[in-house]
Amino acid sequence: MGLIRVNGIRVFAYHGCLAEEGRIGGQFQVDVSVLGDFSNAEASDSLQETVDYGRVTAIVKEQMAIRANLIEHVARRILDALKAEWPGELAWQVRLVKEHPPVAGAVDHVVYELEG
């Protein structure tokens, strides 16, 4: 079994329940991990035998561009899109970080993690 991690995909997006978040936006970071049998890629040195992290990044950016109220909803869309691109026996994890959310008090970030 092998583990691929694509960490720190930085995106400016407009997610949040407050109207102002839809206008001014904010910084987000997404980490994606995928666990699976990548032995064919190890042997063949072929991109077709593995998960293309360039495409992972593109999928994350595509989904982050679609406004939502909740980061939970966005994380689910990202996970579903990844699983549609690479169906099969892979275990995915999406970690979505919203930096400096507009809540009372000083909060550096909030995180939602989803596995599937």
C-alpha atoms as a PDB file:
ATOM      1  CA  MET A   1       0.000   0.000   0.000  1.00  0.00           C
ATOM      2  CA  GLY A   2       1.150   3.491  -0.790  1.00  0.00           C
ATOM      3  CA  LEU A   3       0.068   6.896   0.425  1.00  0.00           C
ATOM      4  CA  ILE A   4      -0.013  10.009  -1.740  1.00  0.00           C
ATOM      5  CA  ARG A   5      -0.402  13.364  -0.012  1.00  0.00           C
ATOM      6  CA  VAL A   6      -1.050  16.628  -1.824  1.00  0.00           C
ATOM      7  CA  ASN A   7      -0.694  19.193   0.951  1.00  0.00           C
ATOM      8  CA  GLY A   8      -1.176  22.927   1.091  1.00  0.00           C
ATOM      9  CA  ILE A   9      -3.344  23.607  -1.944  1.00  0.00           C
ATOM     10  CA  ARG A  10      -3.965  27.309  -1.315  1.00  0.00           C
ATOM     11  CA  VAL A  11      -7.145  28.848  -2.686  1.00  0.00           C
ATOM     12  CA  PHE A  12      -8.902  32.177  -2.317  1.00  0.00           C
ATOM     13  CA  ALA A  13     -12.651  31.494  -2.248  1.00  0.00           C
ATOM     14  CA  TYR A  14     -16.006  32.842  -1.128  1.00  0.00           C
ATOM     15  CA  HIS A  15     -17.388  30.241   1.282  1.00  0.00           C
ATOM     16  CA  GLY A  16     -19.313  31.096   4.421  1.00  0.00           C
ATOM     17  CA  CYS A  17     -22.743  31.727   5.860  1.00  0.00           C
ATOM     18  CA  LEU A  18     -22.287  35.481   6.138  1.00  0.00           C
ATOM     19  CA  ALA A  19     -23.133  37.677   3.146  1.00  0.00           C
ATOM     20  CA  GLU A  20     -19.834  39.539   3.565  1.00  0.00           C
ATOM     21  CA  GLU A  21     -17.915  36.272   3.092  1.00  0.00           C
ATOM     22  CA  GLY A  22     -19.566  35.983  -0.309  1.00  0.00           C
ATOM     23  CA  ARG A  23     -18.357  39.478  -1.192  1.00  0.00           C
ATOM     24  CA  ILE A  24     -14.865  39.695   0.282  1.00  0.00           C
ATOM     25  CA  GLY A  25     -13.827  36.023   0.324  1.00  0.00           C
ATOM     26  CA  GLY A  26     -11.021  34.472   2.293  1.00  0.00           C
ATOM     27  CA  GLN A  27      -8.021  32.169   2.290  1.00  0.00           C
ATOM     28  CA  PHE A  28      -8.436  28.403   2.385  1.00  0.00           C
ATOM     29  CA  GLN A  29      -6.047  25.496   2.327  1.00  0.00           C
ATOM     30  CA  VAL A  30      -6.857  21.956   1.218  1.00  0.00           C
ATOM     31  CA  ASP A  31      -4.885  18.769   1.861  1.00  0.00           C
ATOM     32  CA  VAL A  32      -5.738  15.552   0.024  1.00  0.00           C
ATOM     33  CA  SER A  33      -4.472  12.078   0.896  1.00  0.00           C
ATOM     34  CA  VAL A  34      -5.117   8.849  -0.958  1.00  0.00           C
ATOM     35  CA  LEU A  35      -4.165   5.375   0.233  1.00  0.00           C
ATOM     36  CA  GLY A  36      -4.074   2.533  -2.249  1.00  0.00           C
ATOM     37  CA  ASP A  37      -2.133  -0.112  -4.110  1.00  0.00           C
ATOM     38  CA  PHE A  38       0.237   1.834  -6.344  1.00  0.00           C
ATOM     39  CA  SER A  39       2.545  -1.095  -7.060  1.00  0.00           C
ATOM     40  CA  ASN A  40       1.793  -0.923 -10.803  1.00  0.00           C
ATOM     41  CA  ALA A  41       3.017   2.683 -10.840  1.00  0.00           C
ATOM     42  CA  GLU A  42       6.076   1.697  -8.831  1.00  0.00           C
ATOM     43  CA  ALA A  43       6.955  -0.922 -11.438  1.00  0.00           C
ATOM     44  CA  SER A  44       5.926   0.870 -14.639  1.00  0.00           C
ATOM     45  CA  ASP A  45       6.865   4.505 -13.936  1.00  0.00           C
ATOM     46  CA  SER A  46       3.604   5.437 -15.692  1.00  0.00           C
ATOM     47  CA  LEU A  47       1.342   8.311 -14.655  1.00  0.00           C
ATOM     48  CA  GLN A  48      -1.663   6.298 -15.866  1.00  0.00           C
ATOM     49  CA  GLU A  49      -1.081   3.815 -13.021  1.00  0.00           C
ATOM     50  CA  THR A  50      -1.376   6.344 -10.204  1.00  0.00           C
ATOM     51  CA  VAL A  51      -3.239   9.426  -9.004  1.00  0.00           C
ATOM     52  CA  ASP A  52      -2.059  12.535 -10.863  1.00  0.00           C
ATOM     53  CA  TYR A  53      -1.543  15.196  -8.198  1.00  0.00           C
ATOM     54  CA  GLY A  54      -1.738  17.923 -10.826  1.00  0.00           C
ATOM     55  CA  ARG A  55      -5.268  16.760 -11.575  1.00  0.00           C
ATOM     56  CA  VAL A  56      -6.009  16.490  -7.824  1.00  0.00           C
ATOM     57  CA  THR A  57      -5.050  20.154  -7.482  1.00  0.00           C
ATOM     58  CA  ALA A  58      -7.212  21.126 -10.466  1.00  0.00           C
ATOM     59  CA  ILE A  59     -10.244  19.286  -9.034  1.00  0.00           C
ATOM     60  CA  VAL A  60      -9.804  21.003  -5.673  1.00  0.00           C
ATOM     61  CA  LYS A  61      -9.621  24.427  -7.359  1.00  0.00           C
ATOM     62  CA  GLU A  62     -12.680  23.672  -9.524  1.00  0.00           C
ATOM     63  CA  GLN A  63     -14.775  22.722  -6.507  1.00  0.00           C
ATOM     64  CA  MET A  64     -13.493  25.576  -4.353  1.00  0.00           C
ATOM     65  CA  ALA A  65     -14.610  28.024  -7.064  1.00  0.00           C
ATOM     66  CA  ILE A  66     -18.266  27.042  -6.477  1.00  0.00           C
ATOM     67  CA  ARG A  67     -19.583  29.101  -3.562  1.00  0.00           C
ATOM     68  CA  ALA A  68     -21.084  27.321  -0.546  1.00  0.00           C
ATOM     69  CA  ASN A  69     -22.186  28.261   2.934  1.00  0.00           C
ATOM     70  CA  LEU A  70     -20.394  25.384   4.670  1.00  0.00           C
ATOM     71  CA  ILE A  71     -16.889  24.000   4.311  1.00  0.00           C
ATOM     72  CA  GLU A  72     -18.407  20.600   5.085  1.00  0.00           C
ATOM     73  CA  HIS A  73     -20.368  20.838   1.835  1.00  0.00           C
ATOM     74  CA  VAL A  74     -17.308  21.885  -0.164  1.00  0.00           C
ATOM     75  CA  ALA A  75     -15.225  19.031   1.286  1.00  0.00           C
ATOM     76  CA  ARG A  76     -17.930  16.535   0.259  1.00  0.00           C
ATOM     77  CA  ARG A  77     -17.978  17.922  -3.295  1.00  0.00           C
ATOM     78  CA  ILE A  78     -14.182  17.642  -3.500  1.00  0.00           C
ATOM     79  CA  LEU A  79     -14.229  14.067  -2.199  1.00  0.00           C
ATOM     80  CA  ASP A  80     -17.008  13.047  -4.593  1.00  0.00           C
ATOM     81  CA  ALA A  81     -15.184  14.593  -7.563  1.00  0.00           C
ATOM     82  CA  LEU A  82     -11.932  12.810  -6.670  1.00  0.00           C
ATOM     83  CA  LYS A  83     -13.710   9.471  -6.319  1.00  0.00           C
ATOM     84  CA  ALA A  84     -15.446  10.013  -9.672  1.00  0.00           C
ATOM     85  CA  GLU A  85     -12.104  10.722 -11.361  1.00  0.00           C
ATOM     86  CA  TRP A  86     -10.407   7.666  -9.803  1.00  0.00           C
ATOM     87  CA  PRO A  87     -13.048   5.043  -9.027  1.00  0.00           C
ATOM     88  CA  GLY A  88     -11.948   1.901  -7.301  1.00  0.00           C
ATOM     89  CA  GLU A  89     -10.337   0.687  -4.136  1.00  0.00           C
ATOM     90  CA  LEU A  90      -8.767   3.905  -2.910  1.00  0.00           C
ATOM     91  CA  ALA A  91      -9.169   5.469   0.531  1.00  0.00           C
ATOM     92  CA  TRP A  92      -9.372   9.256   0.334  1.00  0.00           C
ATOM     93  CA  GLN A  93      -9.086  11.981   2.935  1.00  0.00           C
ATOM     94  CA  VAL A  94      -9.872  15.651   2.346  1.00  0.00           C
ATOM     95  CA  ARG A  95      -8.836  18.248   4.925  1.00  0.00           C
ATOM     96  CA  LEU A  96     -10.250  21.732   4.335  1.00  0.00           C
ATOM     97  CA  VAL A  97      -8.899  24.663   6.367  1.00  0.00           C
ATOM     98  CA  LYS A  98     -10.637  28.036   6.549  1.00  0.00           C
ATOM     99  CA  GLU A  99      -8.159  30.664   7.698  1.00  0.00           C
ATOM    100  CA  HIS A 100      -9.208  33.469  10.065  1.00  0.00           C
ATOM    101  CA  PRO A 101     -12.959  32.776  10.115  1.00  0.00           C
ATOM    102  CA  PRO A 102     -15.172  35.707  11.096  1.00  0.00           C
ATOM    103  CA  VAL A 103     -16.090  34.547  14.591  1.00  0.00           C
ATOM    104  CA  ALA A 104     -15.942  36.308  17.944  1.00  0.00           C
ATOM    105  CA  GLY A 105     -12.408  36.175  19.280  1.00  0.00           C
ATOM    106  CA  ALA A 106      -9.090  35.481  17.624  1.00  0.00           C
ATOM    107  CA  VAL A 107      -9.318  32.196  15.717  1.00  0.00           C
ATOM    108  CA  ASP A 108      -6.442  31.229  13.446  1.00  0.00           C
ATOM    109  CA  HIS A 109      -8.374  28.622  11.445  1.00  0.00           C
ATOM    110  CA  VAL A 110     -11.107  26.005  11.457  1.00  0.00           C
ATOM    111  CA  VAL A 111     -10.720  22.571   9.900  1.00  0.00           C
ATOM    112  CA  TYR A 112     -13.087  19.990   8.476  1.00  0.00           C
ATOM    113  CA  GLU A 113     -11.783  16.525   7.607  1.00  0.00           C
ATOM    114  CA  LEU A 114     -13.661  13.950   5.559  1.00  0.00           C
ATOM    115  CA  GLU A 115     -12.762  10.379   4.633  1.00  0.00           C
ATOM    116  CA  GLY A 116     -14.236   8.157   2.023  1.00  0.00           C
END
